C-alpha cells in the first residue's frame, strides 16, 4: 500500500490499522500536510449538496519501487496520485510483464469526475485493464 499521510493521529491510525491486518505499507509522512480528508453534506434526497476536502498531501504519494512491482500480477491504483507518477508506475509495471512473460493487470479507480478527466487527458487509459467509475466518471 503506497500513499501519503500527514504526521498526525489520523495518519498513524491508518498505518496501524493496515499493518494490523497484514497489509505492507509504504506511507510518505509529511509534517507540512494533514492526512487527506473529505466531508460530504447530503441533501434530503441523499444527493451531494456540498463537500469540503483537504487532499494536498496526496501529491506526495511515493512511486512504488520496481522490487514491489516485480512480483505483483495486479496493480490497483486510484486517481489521487499525481498523473505523472501514475503513468510512470503503470509503464514500469506493464514493462515487467514483458520481461517475466506473465500477465500484468492494471485496475483503476477514477475517484472523481475531474480526476477522471485528468487521467483521460494524459492518455493513460490504454494501459488500464479494469476501471471502476461511477456513471459521471465514465462520461467524463
C-alpha atoms as a PDB file:
ATOM      1  CA  UNK A   1       0.000   0.000   0.000  1.00  0.00           C
ATOM      2  CA  UNK A   2       1.670   3.184  -1.214  1.00  0.00           C
ATOM      3  CA  UNK A   3       0.221   6.509  -0.133  1.00  0.00           C
ATOM      4  CA  UNK A   4       0.932   9.696   1.765  1.00  0.00           C
ATOM      5  CA  UNK A   5      -0.401  10.967   5.081  1.00  0.00           C
ATOM      6  CA  UNK A   6       0.100  13.806   7.475  1.00  0.00           C
ATOM      7  CA  UNK A   7       2.273  13.334  10.508  1.00  0.00           C
ATOM      8  CA  UNK A   8      -0.823  13.287  12.703  1.00  0.00           C
ATOM      9  CA  UNK A   9      -3.010  10.878  14.663  1.00  0.00           C
ATOM     10  CA  UNK A  10      -5.164  10.003  11.632  1.00  0.00           C
ATOM     11  CA  UNK A  11      -2.128   9.099   9.533  1.00  0.00           C
ATOM     12  CA  UNK A  12      -0.673   6.968  12.325  1.00  0.00           C
ATOM     13  CA  UNK A  13      -4.064   5.291  12.845  1.00  0.00           C
ATOM     14  CA  UNK A  14      -4.370   4.403   9.161  1.00  0.00           C
ATOM     15  CA  UNK A  15      -0.894   2.887   9.142  1.00  0.00           C
ATOM     16  CA  UNK A  16      -1.520   0.902  12.346  1.00  0.00           C
ATOM     17  CA  UNK A  17      -4.876  -0.460  11.130  1.00  0.00           C
ATOM     18  CA  UNK A  18      -3.495  -1.551   7.771  1.00  0.00           C
ATOM     19  CA  UNK A  19      -0.456  -3.207   9.309  1.00  0.00           C
ATOM     20  CA  UNK A  20      -2.575  -4.969  11.954  1.00  0.00           C
ATOM     21  CA  UNK A  21      -4.401  -6.610   9.051  1.00  0.00           C
ATOM     22  CA  UNK A  22      -1.177  -7.750   7.397  1.00  0.00           C
ATOM     23  CA  UNK A  23      -1.011  -5.019   4.740  1.00  0.00           C
ATOM     24  CA  UNK A  24       2.534  -3.910   3.969  1.00  0.00           C
ATOM     25  CA  UNK A  25       2.564  -0.126   3.904  1.00  0.00           C
ATOM     26  CA  UNK A  26       4.797   2.498   2.419  1.00  0.00           C
ATOM     27  CA  UNK A  27       3.358   5.765   3.688  1.00  0.00           C
ATOM     28  CA  UNK A  28       5.140   9.005   2.971  1.00  0.00           C
ATOM     29  CA  UNK A  29       4.526  11.076   6.115  1.00  0.00           C
ATOM     30  CA  UNK A  30       4.514  14.848   5.773  1.00  0.00           C
ATOM     31  CA  UNK A  31       4.907  17.411   8.534  1.00  0.00           C
ATOM     32  CA  UNK A  32       3.625  20.084   6.138  1.00  0.00           C
ATOM     33  CA  UNK A  33       0.248  18.472   5.372  1.00  0.00           C
ATOM     34  CA  UNK A  34      -2.713  16.944   7.172  1.00  0.00           C
ATOM     35  CA  UNK A  35      -3.849  13.426   6.373  1.00  0.00           C
ATOM     36  CA  UNK A  36      -6.293  13.641   3.468  1.00  0.00           C
ATOM     37  CA  UNK A  37      -9.905  14.160   4.463  1.00  0.00           C
ATOM     38  CA  UNK A  38     -13.231  14.590   2.715  1.00  0.00           C
ATOM     39  CA  UNK A  39     -16.534  15.725   4.204  1.00  0.00           C
ATOM     40  CA  UNK A  40     -19.746  15.484   2.176  1.00  0.00           C
ATOM     41  CA  UNK A  41     -23.043  17.141   3.086  1.00  0.00           C
ATOM     42  CA  UNK A  42     -26.006  15.357   1.538  1.00  0.00           C
ATOM     43  CA  UNK A  43     -29.473  16.801   0.871  1.00  0.00           C
ATOM     44  CA  UNK A  44     -32.818  15.225   1.754  1.00  0.00           C
ATOM     45  CA  UNK A  45     -32.666  13.064  -1.425  1.00  0.00           C
ATOM     46  CA  UNK A  46     -29.225  11.805  -0.389  1.00  0.00           C
ATOM     47  CA  UNK A  47     -27.612  13.727  -3.248  1.00  0.00           C
ATOM     48  CA  UNK A  48     -24.425  15.682  -2.691  1.00  0.00           C
ATOM     49  CA  UNK A  49     -25.211  19.225  -1.574  1.00  0.00           C
ATOM     50  CA  UNK A  50     -21.663  20.388  -0.870  1.00  0.00           C
ATOM     51  CA  UNK A  51     -18.292  18.970   0.042  1.00  0.00           C
ATOM     52  CA  UNK A  52     -15.035  20.102   1.595  1.00  0.00           C
ATOM     53  CA  UNK A  53     -11.750  18.296   1.081  1.00  0.00           C
ATOM     54  CA  UNK A  54      -8.096  18.608   2.008  1.00  0.00           C
ATOM     55  CA  UNK A  55      -6.216  16.224  -0.271  1.00  0.00           C
ATOM     56  CA  UNK A  56      -2.973  18.158  -0.802  1.00  0.00           C
ATOM     57  CA  UNK A  57      -0.845  15.501   0.929  1.00  0.00           C
ATOM     58  CA  UNK A  58      -1.644  13.068  -1.877  1.00  0.00           C
ATOM     59  CA  UNK A  59       0.737  14.952  -4.162  1.00  0.00           C
ATOM     60  CA  UNK A  60       3.443  13.272  -2.062  1.00  0.00           C
ATOM     61  CA  UNK A  61       2.406   9.674  -2.813  1.00  0.00           C
ATOM     62  CA  UNK A  62       5.673   7.810  -3.449  1.00  0.00           C
ATOM     63  CA  UNK A  63       6.439   5.771  -6.554  1.00  0.00           C
ATOM     64  CA  UNK A  64       6.309   2.042  -5.879  1.00  0.00           C
ATOM     65  CA  UNK A  65       9.804   0.609  -6.292  1.00  0.00           C
ATOM     66  CA  UNK A  66      10.407  -1.915  -9.076  1.00  0.00           C
ATOM     67  CA  UNK A  67      11.054  -4.571  -6.427  1.00  0.00           C
ATOM     68  CA  UNK A  68       7.453  -4.201  -5.224  1.00  0.00           C
ATOM     69  CA  UNK A  69       6.004  -4.304  -8.722  1.00  0.00           C
ATOM     70  CA  UNK A  70       8.113  -7.226  -9.956  1.00  0.00           C
ATOM     71  CA  UNK A  71       6.222  -9.962  -8.113  1.00  0.00           C
ATOM     72  CA  UNK A  72       2.729  -8.498  -8.436  1.00  0.00           C
ATOM     73  CA  UNK A  73       0.294  -9.715 -11.066  1.00  0.00           C
ATOM     74  CA  UNK A  74      -2.188  -6.906 -10.370  1.00  0.00           C
ATOM     75  CA  UNK A  75      -1.584  -3.191  -9.770  1.00  0.00           C
ATOM     76  CA  UNK A  76      -4.537  -1.304  -8.258  1.00  0.00           C
ATOM     77  CA  UNK A  77      -4.448   2.472  -8.164  1.00  0.00           C
ATOM     78  CA  UNK A  78      -6.771   5.407  -7.838  1.00  0.00           C
ATOM     79  CA  UNK A  79      -6.586   8.888  -9.297  1.00  0.00           C
ATOM     80  CA  UNK A  80      -5.369  10.558  -6.125  1.00  0.00           C
ATOM     81  CA  UNK A  81      -1.702  10.236  -7.082  1.00  0.00           C
ATOM     82  CA  UNK A  82      -0.173  12.796  -9.441  1.00  0.00           C
ATOM     83  CA  UNK A  83      -0.879  11.807 -13.070  1.00  0.00           C
ATOM     84  CA  UNK A  84       2.821  11.754 -14.000  1.00  0.00           C
ATOM     85  CA  UNK A  85       3.567   9.260 -11.218  1.00  0.00           C
ATOM     86  CA  UNK A  86       0.593   7.093 -12.182  1.00  0.00           C
ATOM     87  CA  UNK A  87       1.723   6.978 -15.793  1.00  0.00           C
ATOM     88  CA  UNK A  88       5.313   6.092 -14.928  1.00  0.00           C
ATOM     89  CA  UNK A  89       4.267   3.430 -12.404  1.00  0.00           C
ATOM     90  CA  UNK A  90       1.863   1.805 -14.896  1.00  0.00           C
ATOM     91  CA  UNK A  91       4.506   1.827 -17.648  1.00  0.00           C
ATOM     92  CA  UNK A  92       7.079   0.220 -15.355  1.00  0.00           C
ATOM     93  CA  UNK A  93       4.593  -2.368 -14.086  1.00  0.00           C
ATOM     94  CA  UNK A  94       3.450  -3.384 -17.561  1.00  0.00           C
ATOM     95  CA  UNK A  95       7.044  -3.496 -18.871  1.00  0.00           C
ATOM     96  CA  UNK A  96       7.852  -6.006 -16.130  1.00  0.00           C
ATOM     97  CA  UNK A  97       5.174  -8.282 -17.576  1.00  0.00           C
ATOM     98  CA  UNK A  98       7.075  -8.386 -20.851  1.00  0.00           C
ATOM     99  CA  UNK A  99      10.314  -9.242 -19.023  1.00  0.00           C
ATOM    100  CA  UNK A 100       8.898 -12.083 -16.917  1.00  0.00           C
ATOM    101  CA  UNK A 101       6.384 -13.164 -19.580  1.00  0.00           C
ATOM    102  CA  UNK A 102       3.349 -13.089 -17.323  1.00  0.00           C
ATOM    103  CA  UNK A 103       0.078 -11.226 -17.483  1.00  0.00           C
ATOM    104  CA  UNK A 104       0.012  -7.954 -15.579  1.00  0.00           C
ATOM    105  CA  UNK A 105      -3.351  -6.337 -14.857  1.00  0.00           C
ATOM    106  CA  UNK A 106      -3.910  -2.664 -14.056  1.00  0.00           C
ATOM    107  CA  UNK A 107      -7.091  -1.813 -12.115  1.00  0.00           C
ATOM    108  CA  UNK A 108      -8.009   1.868 -11.880  1.00  0.00           C
ATOM    109  CA  UNK A 109     -10.499   3.781  -9.708  1.00  0.00           C
ATOM    110  CA  UNK A 110     -11.113   7.341 -11.030  1.00  0.00           C
ATOM    111  CA  UNK A 111     -12.350   8.743  -7.632  1.00  0.00           C
ATOM    112  CA  UNK A 112     -13.941  11.883  -9.154  1.00  0.00           C
ATOM    113  CA  UNK A 113     -15.059  13.442 -12.422  1.00  0.00           C
ATOM    114  CA  UNK A 114     -12.226  15.989 -12.501  1.00  0.00           C
ATOM    115  CA  UNK A 115      -9.589  13.352 -11.775  1.00  0.00           C
ATOM    116  CA  UNK A 116     -11.089  11.019 -14.385  1.00  0.00           C
ATOM    117  CA  UNK A 117     -10.769  13.821 -16.946  1.00  0.00           C
ATOM    118  CA  UNK A 118      -7.147  14.433 -15.982  1.00  0.00           C
ATOM    119  CA  UNK A 119      -6.245  10.788 -16.459  1.00  0.00           C
ATOM    120  CA  UNK A 120      -8.089  10.626 -19.791  1.00  0.00           C
ATOM    121  CA  UNK A 121      -6.337  13.787 -20.997  1.00  0.00           C
ATOM    122  CA  UNK A 122      -2.959  12.321 -20.021  1.00  0.00           C
ATOM    123  CA  UNK A 123      -3.647   9.433 -22.407  1.00  0.00           C
ATOM    124  CA  UNK A 124      -3.010   6.636 -19.939  1.00  0.00           C
ATOM    125  CA  UNK A 125      -6.358   4.840 -20.085  1.00  0.00           C
ATOM    126  CA  UNK A 126      -4.970   2.493 -22.769  1.00  0.00           C
ATOM    127  CA  UNK A 127      -2.816   0.916 -20.046  1.00  0.00           C
ATOM    128  CA  UNK A 128      -5.840   0.169 -17.833  1.00  0.00           C
ATOM    129  CA  UNK A 129      -7.463  -3.268 -17.995  1.00  0.00           C
ATOM    130  CA  UNK A 130     -10.238  -2.790 -15.421  1.00  0.00           C
ATOM    131  CA  UNK A 131     -11.813   0.510 -14.413  1.00  0.00           C
ATOM    132  CA  UNK A 132     -14.431   1.113 -11.701  1.00  0.00           C
ATOM    133  CA  UNK A 133     -16.014   4.503 -12.451  1.00  0.00           C
ATOM    134  CA  UNK A 134     -19.444   5.638 -11.430  1.00  0.00           C
ATOM    135  CA  UNK A 135     -21.711   6.931 -14.201  1.00  0.00           C
ATOM    136  CA  UNK A 136     -20.476  10.542 -14.045  1.00  0.00           C
ATOM    137  CA  UNK A 137     -16.803   9.496 -14.050  1.00  0.00           C
ATOM    138  CA  UNK A 138     -17.387   7.203 -17.043  1.00  0.00           C
ATOM    139  CA  UNK A 139     -18.996  10.025 -19.021  1.00  0.00           C
ATOM    140  CA  UNK A 140     -16.091  12.357 -18.237  1.00  0.00           C
END
